[in-house]
Amino acid sequence: MPLIAACITMLVAGCSEEYLLERKEDKLVGTWEFEKAFYKADHALFRNNITSDYRDDILEFYGDYSAVYIDYSLNTAFPGYWQIILDKDYYHTEDGSGQNVEFFIDVVFYDLVQGDDFAFFGSIDRLNKDKLHFEARDRRGTYTFKLCRR
């Protein structure tokens, strides 16, 4: 009997993770524009407002996990793909209920002219039907992006 209960618990937990992931993916699909963008170099006291670098740029996420980055200033569209990753972390509590769920976004775009690619990999701080906030790191610091649905 304990084996059956353990199997049912694992099945329910697996479904709930899949359900959480699908809900986030459904919320991400659509067209987004940059509302604010910041960059904070490692060990810097303040972050720089770089919103003007992304003015009128658009991110489009499609249900087939493809994506397009439209750079308004370059008048160019960069095709790519996206993925949301769910990370579940367990920690010890008295009642055994301690867990933390985090979502990460991985987006890669291709520059077909230069033959290069660029990517955003970071943690999703907020994702609902109208707002997307995420942070992404590079070798020297952290980007913070705030996007709104278009």
N, C-alpha and C. Protein backbone atom coordinates (compact mmCIF):
# COMPACT_ATOMS: atom_id res chain seq x y z
N MET A 1 0.81 -1.20 0.00
CA MET A 1 0.00 0.00 0.00
C MET A 1 0.86 1.27 0.00
N PRO A 2 1.95 1.34 0.82
CA PRO A 2 2.78 2.54 0.80
C PRO A 2 3.40 2.79 -0.59
N LEU A 3 3.71 1.73 -1.32
CA LEU A 3 4.28 1.88 -2.65
C LEU A 3 3.27 2.55 -3.60
N ILE A 4 2.02 2.16 -3.50
CA ILE A 4 0.98 2.75 -4.34
C ILE A 4 0.81 4.23 -4.01
N ALA A 5 0.80 4.57 -2.73
CA ALA A 5 0.67 5.97 -2.31
C ALA A 5 1.84 6.80 -2.82
N ALA A 6 3.04 6.24 -2.76
CA ALA A 6 4.22 6.95 -3.24
C ALA A 6 4.14 7.19 -4.75
N CYS A 7 3.66 6.19 -5.49
CA CYS A 7 3.52 6.34 -6.95
C CYS A 7 2.48 7.40 -7.29
N ILE A 8 1.37 7.40 -6.58
CA ILE A 8 0.32 8.39 -6.82
C ILE A 8 0.84 9.80 -6.51
N THR A 9 1.58 9.94 -5.42
CA THR A 9 2.14 11.24 -5.05
C THR A 9 3.10 11.74 -6.13
N MET A 10 3.96 10.85 -6.63
CA MET A 10 4.90 11.23 -7.68
C MET A 10 4.16 11.62 -8.96
N LEU A 11 3.11 10.90 -9.29
CA LEU A 11 2.34 11.20 -10.49
C LEU A 11 1.66 12.55 -10.38
N VAL A 12 1.03 12.83 -9.24
CA VAL A 12 0.36 14.11 -9.03
C VAL A 12 1.37 15.25 -9.04
N ALA A 13 2.52 15.07 -8.38
CA ALA A 13 3.55 16.11 -8.34
C ALA A 13 4.08 16.39 -9.75
N GLY A 14 4.27 15.34 -10.54
CA GLY A 14 4.75 15.51 -11.91
C GLY A 14 3.74 16.27 -12.75
N CYS A 15 2.48 15.96 -12.61
CA CYS A 15 1.44 16.66 -13.37
C CYS A 15 1.36 18.12 -12.96
N SER A 16 1.49 18.39 -11.68
CA SER A 16 1.38 19.76 -11.23
C SER A 16 2.55 20.60 -11.76
N GLU A 17 3.74 20.04 -11.85
CA GLU A 17 4.88 20.76 -12.42
C GLU A 17 4.63 21.04 -13.90
N GLU A 18 4.14 20.05 -14.61
CA GLU A 18 3.83 20.22 -16.03
C GLU A 18 2.75 21.29 -16.22
N TYR A 19 1.76 21.26 -15.36
CA TYR A 19 0.68 22.24 -15.41
C TYR A 19 1.21 23.66 -15.17
N LEU A 20 2.08 23.81 -14.15
CA LEU A 20 2.68 25.12 -13.87
C LEU A 20 3.48 25.63 -15.07
N LEU A 21 4.24 24.74 -15.67
CA LEU A 21 5.06 25.10 -16.82
C LEU A 21 4.20 25.51 -18.01
N GLU A 22 3.15 24.75 -18.28
CA GLU A 22 2.27 25.07 -19.40
C GLU A 22 1.55 26.41 -19.18
N ARG A 23 1.17 26.69 -17.96
CA ARG A 23 0.51 27.98 -17.67
C ARG A 23 1.45 29.14 -17.95
N LYS A 24 2.72 29.02 -17.55
CA LYS A 24 3.70 30.08 -17.82
C LYS A 24 3.92 30.24 -19.32
N GLU A 25 4.05 29.11 -20.02
CA GLU A 25 4.27 29.17 -21.46
C GLU A 25 3.09 29.84 -22.17
N ASP A 26 1.87 29.50 -21.76
CA ASP A 26 0.69 30.11 -22.36
C ASP A 26 0.67 31.62 -22.14
N LYS A 27 1.11 32.06 -20.98
CA LYS A 27 1.15 33.50 -20.69
C LYS A 27 2.22 34.21 -21.51
N LEU A 28 3.29 33.51 -21.85
CA LEU A 28 4.39 34.13 -22.59
C LEU A 28 4.07 34.32 -24.07
N VAL A 29 3.31 33.41 -24.64
CA VAL A 29 3.02 33.47 -26.08
C VAL A 29 2.31 34.78 -26.40
N GLY A 30 2.86 35.49 -27.38
CA GLY A 30 2.29 36.77 -27.80
C GLY A 30 3.38 37.76 -28.16
N THR A 31 2.98 39.01 -28.33
CA THR A 31 3.88 40.09 -28.73
C THR A 31 4.14 41.00 -27.54
N TRP A 32 5.42 41.28 -27.29
CA TRP A 32 5.84 42.08 -26.15
C TRP A 32 6.72 43.22 -26.62
N GLU A 33 6.59 44.37 -25.97
CA GLU A 33 7.49 45.48 -26.25
C GLU A 33 8.18 45.90 -24.96
N PHE A 34 9.39 46.43 -25.12
CA PHE A 34 10.20 46.82 -23.97
C PHE A 34 9.63 48.09 -23.36
N GLU A 35 9.33 48.02 -22.09
CA GLU A 35 8.85 49.18 -21.34
C GLU A 35 10.02 49.87 -20.65
N LYS A 36 10.88 49.05 -20.03
CA LYS A 36 12.08 49.56 -19.35
C LYS A 36 13.20 48.53 -19.48
N ALA A 37 14.42 49.02 -19.49
CA ALA A 37 15.59 48.15 -19.52
C ALA A 37 16.70 48.82 -18.71
N PHE A 38 17.37 48.01 -17.90
CA PHE A 38 18.45 48.50 -17.06
C PHE A 38 19.64 47.56 -17.16
N TYR A 39 20.82 48.11 -16.89
CA TYR A 39 22.02 47.29 -16.82
C TYR A 39 22.83 47.73 -15.60
N LYS A 40 23.22 46.74 -14.80
CA LYS A 40 24.05 47.02 -13.63
C LYS A 40 25.30 46.17 -13.74
N ALA A 41 26.43 46.84 -13.91
CA ALA A 41 27.71 46.14 -13.99
C ALA A 41 28.03 45.52 -12.63
N ASP A 42 28.74 44.42 -12.64
CA ASP A 42 29.17 43.80 -11.39
C ASP A 42 29.95 44.81 -10.56
N HIS A 43 29.67 44.84 -9.29
CA HIS A 43 30.32 45.71 -8.31
C HIS A 43 29.98 47.19 -8.47
N ALA A 44 29.04 47.52 -9.34
CA ALA A 44 28.63 48.91 -9.50
C ALA A 44 27.61 49.27 -8.42
N LEU A 45 27.57 50.52 -8.03
CA LEU A 45 26.61 50.96 -7.03
C LEU A 45 25.22 51.18 -7.62
N PHE A 46 25.17 51.65 -8.86
CA PHE A 46 23.89 51.99 -9.48
C PHE A 46 23.76 51.28 -10.82
N ARG A 47 22.52 51.14 -11.24
CA ARG A 47 22.26 50.56 -12.55
C ARG A 47 22.02 51.68 -13.56
N ASN A 48 22.30 51.40 -14.82
CA ASN A 48 22.10 52.37 -15.90
C ASN A 48 20.78 52.09 -16.60
N ASN A 49 20.06 53.15 -16.89
CA ASN A 49 18.82 53.03 -17.64
C ASN A 49 19.19 52.95 -19.12
N ILE A 50 18.95 51.81 -19.75
CA ILE A 50 19.28 51.60 -21.16
C ILE A 50 18.02 51.41 -22.00
N THR A 51 16.91 51.91 -21.51
CA THR A 51 15.63 51.75 -22.21
C THR A 51 15.70 52.27 -23.63
N SER A 52 16.43 53.36 -23.86
CA SER A 52 16.51 53.94 -25.21
C SER A 52 17.14 52.97 -26.21
N ASP A 53 18.00 52.05 -25.75
CA ASP A 53 18.61 51.04 -26.64
C ASP A 53 17.57 50.07 -27.17
N TYR A 54 16.45 49.93 -26.48
CA TYR A 54 15.41 48.96 -26.84
C TYR A 54 14.11 49.62 -27.26
N ARG A 55 14.11 50.93 -27.41
CA ARG A 55 12.89 51.67 -27.77
C ARG A 55 12.30 51.12 -29.07
N ASP A 56 11.02 50.80 -29.03
CA ASP A 56 10.23 50.29 -30.15
C ASP A 56 10.64 48.89 -30.61
N ASP A 57 11.56 48.23 -29.92
CA ASP A 57 11.89 46.84 -30.23
C ASP A 57 10.77 45.93 -29.74
N ILE A 58 10.61 44.80 -30.40
CA ILE A 58 9.51 43.88 -30.09
C ILE A 58 10.05 42.46 -29.98
N LEU A 59 9.53 41.72 -29.01
CA LEU A 59 9.77 40.29 -28.89
C LEU A 59 8.45 39.58 -29.16
N GLU A 60 8.49 38.60 -30.07
CA GLU A 60 7.30 37.80 -30.35
C GLU A 60 7.60 36.35 -30.01
N PHE A 61 6.76 35.77 -29.16
CA PHE A 61 6.89 34.37 -28.77
C PHE A 61 5.71 33.60 -29.35
N TYR A 62 5.99 32.50 -30.03
CA TYR A 62 4.95 31.70 -30.67
C TYR A 62 4.77 30.38 -29.93
N GLY A 63 3.60 29.79 -30.09
CA GLY A 63 3.26 28.54 -29.41
C GLY A 63 4.10 27.34 -29.81
N ASP A 64 4.78 27.42 -30.95
CA ASP A 64 5.64 26.31 -31.40
C ASP A 64 7.08 26.48 -30.90
N TYR A 65 7.29 27.38 -29.93
CA TYR A 65 8.59 27.67 -29.30
C TYR A 65 9.55 28.42 -30.21
N SER A 66 9.04 28.97 -31.29
CA SER A 66 9.88 29.86 -32.10
C SER A 66 9.65 31.29 -31.60
N ALA A 67 10.55 32.16 -31.98
CA ALA A 67 10.47 33.55 -31.53
C ALA A 67 11.07 34.46 -32.59
N VAL A 68 10.73 35.75 -32.50
CA VAL A 68 11.31 36.75 -33.38
C VAL A 68 11.62 37.98 -32.54
N TYR A 69 12.82 38.51 -32.73
CA TYR A 69 13.21 39.78 -32.11
C TYR A 69 13.23 40.81 -33.23
N ILE A 70 12.40 41.85 -33.12
CA ILE A 70 12.36 42.89 -34.13
C ILE A 70 13.08 44.12 -33.57
N ASP A 71 14.22 44.43 -34.16
CA ASP A 71 15.03 45.57 -33.75
C ASP A 71 14.63 46.77 -34.61
N TYR A 72 13.92 47.69 -33.99
CA TYR A 72 13.39 48.85 -34.71
C TYR A 72 14.51 49.72 -35.29
N SER A 73 15.56 49.96 -34.51
CA SER A 73 16.63 50.86 -34.96
C SER A 73 17.41 50.28 -36.14
N LEU A 74 17.51 48.96 -36.20
CA LEU A 74 18.22 48.31 -37.32
C LEU A 74 17.27 47.91 -38.45
N ASN A 75 15.97 48.03 -38.20
CA ASN A 75 14.94 47.62 -39.17
C ASN A 75 15.18 46.16 -39.62
N THR A 76 15.41 45.30 -38.60
CA THR A 76 15.75 43.91 -38.85
C THR A 76 14.99 43.00 -37.89
N ALA A 77 14.65 41.82 -38.38
CA ALA A 77 14.02 40.80 -37.54
C ALA A 77 14.99 39.63 -37.40
N PHE A 78 15.15 39.17 -36.16
CA PHE A 78 16.04 38.06 -35.86
C PHE A 78 15.19 36.86 -35.44
N PRO A 79 15.21 35.76 -36.20
CA PRO A 79 14.46 34.57 -35.80
C PRO A 79 15.17 33.83 -34.68
N GLY A 80 14.41 33.08 -33.91
CA GLY A 80 15.01 32.32 -32.83
C GLY A 80 14.04 31.33 -32.22
N TYR A 81 14.38 30.90 -31.02
CA TYR A 81 13.53 29.96 -30.29
C TYR A 81 13.59 30.29 -28.81
N TRP A 82 12.61 29.77 -28.06
CA TRP A 82 12.53 30.04 -26.63
C TRP A 82 12.16 28.78 -25.87
N GLN A 83 12.43 28.85 -24.57
CA GLN A 83 12.09 27.75 -23.66
C GLN A 83 11.95 28.33 -22.26
N ILE A 84 10.95 27.86 -21.52
CA ILE A 84 10.83 28.19 -20.10
C ILE A 84 11.23 26.94 -19.32
N ILE A 85 12.03 27.15 -18.30
CA ILE A 85 12.53 26.05 -17.48
C ILE A 85 12.01 26.23 -16.06
N LEU A 86 11.47 25.17 -15.50
CA LEU A 86 10.97 25.18 -14.14
C LEU A 86 12.01 24.53 -13.24
N ASP A 87 12.37 25.19 -12.16
CA ASP A 87 13.32 24.65 -11.19
C ASP A 87 12.62 24.59 -9.84
N LYS A 88 12.51 23.40 -9.31
CA LYS A 88 11.85 23.20 -8.02
C LYS A 88 12.92 22.83 -7.01
N ASP A 89 12.99 23.58 -5.94
CA ASP A 89 13.99 23.38 -4.90
C ASP A 89 13.27 23.04 -3.60
N TYR A 90 13.70 22.00 -2.96
CA TYR A 90 13.10 21.59 -1.69
C TYR A 90 14.03 21.94 -0.55
N TYR A 91 13.47 22.34 0.57
CA TYR A 91 14.26 22.63 1.76
C TYR A 91 13.51 22.09 2.97
N HIS A 92 14.24 21.89 4.03
CA HIS A 92 13.67 21.26 5.22
C HIS A 92 12.83 22.24 6.04
N THR A 93 11.62 21.81 6.37
CA THR A 93 10.76 22.54 7.31
C THR A 93 10.21 21.52 8.31
N GLU A 94 9.67 22.01 9.38
CA GLU A 94 9.10 21.14 10.42
C GLU A 94 8.02 20.22 9.85
N ASP A 95 7.14 20.77 9.04
CA ASP A 95 6.03 19.97 8.51
C ASP A 95 6.35 19.31 7.17
N GLY A 96 7.55 19.51 6.65
CA GLY A 96 7.96 18.86 5.41
C GLY A 96 7.40 19.48 4.15
N SER A 97 6.88 20.70 4.23
CA SER A 97 6.23 21.31 3.07
C SER A 97 7.10 22.35 2.37
N GLY A 98 8.35 22.44 2.70
CA GLY A 98 9.20 23.50 2.15
C GLY A 98 9.61 23.24 0.71
N GLN A 99 9.21 24.14 -0.17
CA GLN A 99 9.66 24.06 -1.55
C GLN A 99 9.63 25.45 -2.17
N ASN A 100 10.47 25.64 -3.13
CA ASN A 100 10.56 26.91 -3.84
C ASN A 100 10.54 26.61 -5.33
N VAL A 101 9.67 27.28 -6.08
CA VAL A 101 9.57 27.07 -7.51
C VAL A 101 10.03 28.35 -8.21
N GLU A 102 10.97 28.19 -9.14
CA GLU A 102 11.47 29.32 -9.92
C GLU A 102 11.33 28.98 -11.40
N PHE A 103 11.12 30.02 -12.20
CA PHE A 103 11.03 29.85 -13.65
C PHE A 103 12.15 30.65 -14.31
N PHE A 104 12.74 30.04 -15.32
CA PHE A 104 13.81 30.68 -16.08
C PHE A 104 13.42 30.71 -17.55
N ILE A 105 13.92 31.71 -18.25
CA ILE A 105 13.65 31.82 -19.68
C ILE A 105 14.96 31.74 -20.44
N ASP A 106 14.95 30.99 -21.51
CA ASP A 106 16.11 30.83 -22.37
C ASP A 106 15.64 31.17 -23.79
N VAL A 107 16.19 32.26 -24.35
CA VAL A 107 15.80 32.71 -25.68
C VAL A 107 17.07 32.93 -26.50
N VAL A 108 17.11 32.35 -27.69
CA VAL A 108 18.26 32.50 -28.57
C VAL A 108 17.76 33.04 -29.91
N PHE A 109 18.44 34.08 -30.41
CA PHE A 109 18.11 34.67 -31.70
C PHE A 109 19.32 34.58 -32.63
N TYR A 110 19.06 34.46 -33.93
CA TYR A 110 20.12 34.31 -34.93
C TYR A 110 20.23 35.58 -35.77
N ASP A 111 21.45 36.05 -35.92
CA ASP A 111 21.73 37.16 -36.83
C ASP A 111 22.19 36.52 -38.13
N LEU A 112 21.29 36.42 -39.09
CA LEU A 112 21.58 35.73 -40.34
C LEU A 112 22.61 36.47 -41.19
N VAL A 113 22.74 37.79 -41.02
CA VAL A 113 23.71 38.57 -41.79
C VAL A 113 25.12 38.35 -41.24
N GLN A 114 25.28 38.49 -39.94
CA GLN A 114 26.60 38.35 -39.31
C GLN A 114 26.97 36.89 -39.06
N GLY A 115 25.99 35.98 -39.15
CA GLY A 115 26.26 34.56 -38.89
C GLY A 115 26.52 34.28 -37.43
N ASP A 116 25.93 35.08 -36.56
CA ASP A 116 26.16 34.96 -35.12
C ASP A 116 24.81 34.85 -34.42
N ASP A 117 24.84 34.54 -33.15
CA ASP A 117 23.59 34.54 -32.40
C ASP A 117 23.77 35.31 -31.10
N PHE A 118 22.65 35.69 -30.51
CA PHE A 118 22.66 36.34 -29.20
C PHE A 118 21.52 35.76 -28.40
N ALA A 119 21.68 35.77 -27.09
CA ALA A 119 20.72 35.06 -26.25
C ALA A 119 20.44 35.82 -24.98
N PHE A 120 19.27 35.53 -24.42
CA PHE A 120 18.89 35.97 -23.09
C PHE A 120 18.62 34.70 -22.29
N PHE A 121 19.31 34.54 -21.20
CA PHE A 121 18.98 33.45 -20.26
C PHE A 121 18.89 34.09 -18.89
N GLY A 122 17.73 33.96 -18.28
CA GLY A 122 17.57 34.60 -16.98
C GLY A 122 16.35 34.12 -16.23
N SER A 123 16.18 34.69 -15.07
CA SER A 123 15.07 34.31 -14.21
C SER A 123 13.87 35.21 -14.48
N ILE A 124 12.70 34.59 -14.48
CA ILE A 124 11.45 35.32 -14.66
C ILE A 124 11.00 35.79 -13.28
N ASP A 125 10.93 37.10 -13.11
CA ASP A 125 10.48 37.66 -11.84
C ASP A 125 8.97 37.83 -11.82
N ARG A 126 8.40 38.14 -12.99
CA ARG A 126 6.95 38.35 -13.08
C ARG A 126 6.50 38.02 -14.49
N LEU A 127 5.44 37.25 -14.59
CA LEU A 127 4.83 36.96 -15.88
C LEU A 127 3.34 36.77 -15.66
N ASN A 128 2.58 37.70 -16.19
CA ASN A 128 1.13 37.56 -16.19
C ASN A 128 0.65 37.95 -17.58
N LYS A 129 -0.64 38.16 -17.76
CA LYS A 129 -1.15 38.40 -19.11
C LYS A 129 -0.67 39.71 -19.71
N ASP A 130 -0.24 40.67 -18.89
CA ASP A 130 0.16 41.97 -19.39
C ASP A 130 1.61 42.36 -19.15
N LYS A 131 2.30 41.73 -18.21
CA LYS A 131 3.65 42.13 -17.83
C LYS A 131 4.61 40.94 -17.85
N LEU A 132 5.83 41.21 -18.27
CA LEU A 132 6.92 40.25 -18.22
C LEU A 132 8.14 40.97 -17.68
N HIS A 133 8.64 40.52 -16.55
CA HIS A 133 9.87 41.05 -15.97
C HIS A 133 10.86 39.90 -15.84
N PHE A 134 12.06 40.09 -16.36
CA PHE A 134 13.08 39.07 -16.17
C PHE A 134 14.45 39.70 -16.10
N GLU A 135 15.37 38.98 -15.46
CA GLU A 135 16.76 39.40 -15.34
C GLU A 135 17.63 38.41 -16.09
N ALA A 136 18.62 38.94 -16.78
CA ALA A 136 19.55 38.10 -17.52
C ALA A 136 20.97 38.60 -17.27
N ARG A 137 21.90 37.68 -17.11
CA ARG A 137 23.29 38.05 -16.85
C ARG A 137 24.15 37.92 -18.09
N ASP A 138 25.17 38.74 -18.15
CA ASP A 138 26.24 38.52 -19.10
C ASP A 138 27.54 38.42 -18.30
N ARG A 139 28.67 38.47 -18.95
CA ARG A 139 29.95 38.28 -18.24
C ARG A 139 30.30 39.41 -17.30
N ARG A 140 29.68 40.57 -17.48
CA ARG A 140 30.08 41.74 -16.69
C ARG A 140 28.99 42.32 -15.81
N GLY A 141 27.76 41.78 -15.89
CA GLY A 141 26.69 42.37 -15.08
C GLY A 141 25.34 41.76 -15.35
N THR A 142 24.29 42.50 -14.96
CA THR A 142 22.93 42.00 -15.02
C THR A 142 22.02 42.98 -15.75
N TYR A 143 21.26 42.45 -16.69
CA TYR A 143 20.21 43.19 -17.37
C TYR A 143 18.90 42.96 -16.64
N THR A 144 18.08 43.98 -16.53
CA THR A 144 16.72 43.85 -16.01
C THR A 144 15.79 44.39 -17.09
N PHE A 145 14.87 43.54 -17.55
CA PHE A 145 13.94 43.92 -18.60
C PHE A 145 12.52 43.90 -18.07
N LYS A 146 11.77 44.94 -18.39
CA LYS A 146 10.36 45.02 -18.06
C LYS A 146 9.63 45.23 -19.38
N LEU A 147 8.80 44.26 -19.74
CA LEU A 147 8.08 44.32 -21.00
C LEU A 147 6.58 44.34 -20.74
N CYS A 148 5.85 44.88 -21.69
CA CYS A 148 4.38 44.87 -21.60
C CYS A 148 3.84 44.26 -22.88
N ARG A 149 2.69 43.65 -22.75
CA ARG A 149 2.06 43.01 -23.92
C ARG A 149 1.60 44.10 -24.88
N ARG A 150 1.80 43.85 -26.12
CA ARG A 150 1.41 44.81 -27.16
C ARG A 150 0.05 44.50 -27.69
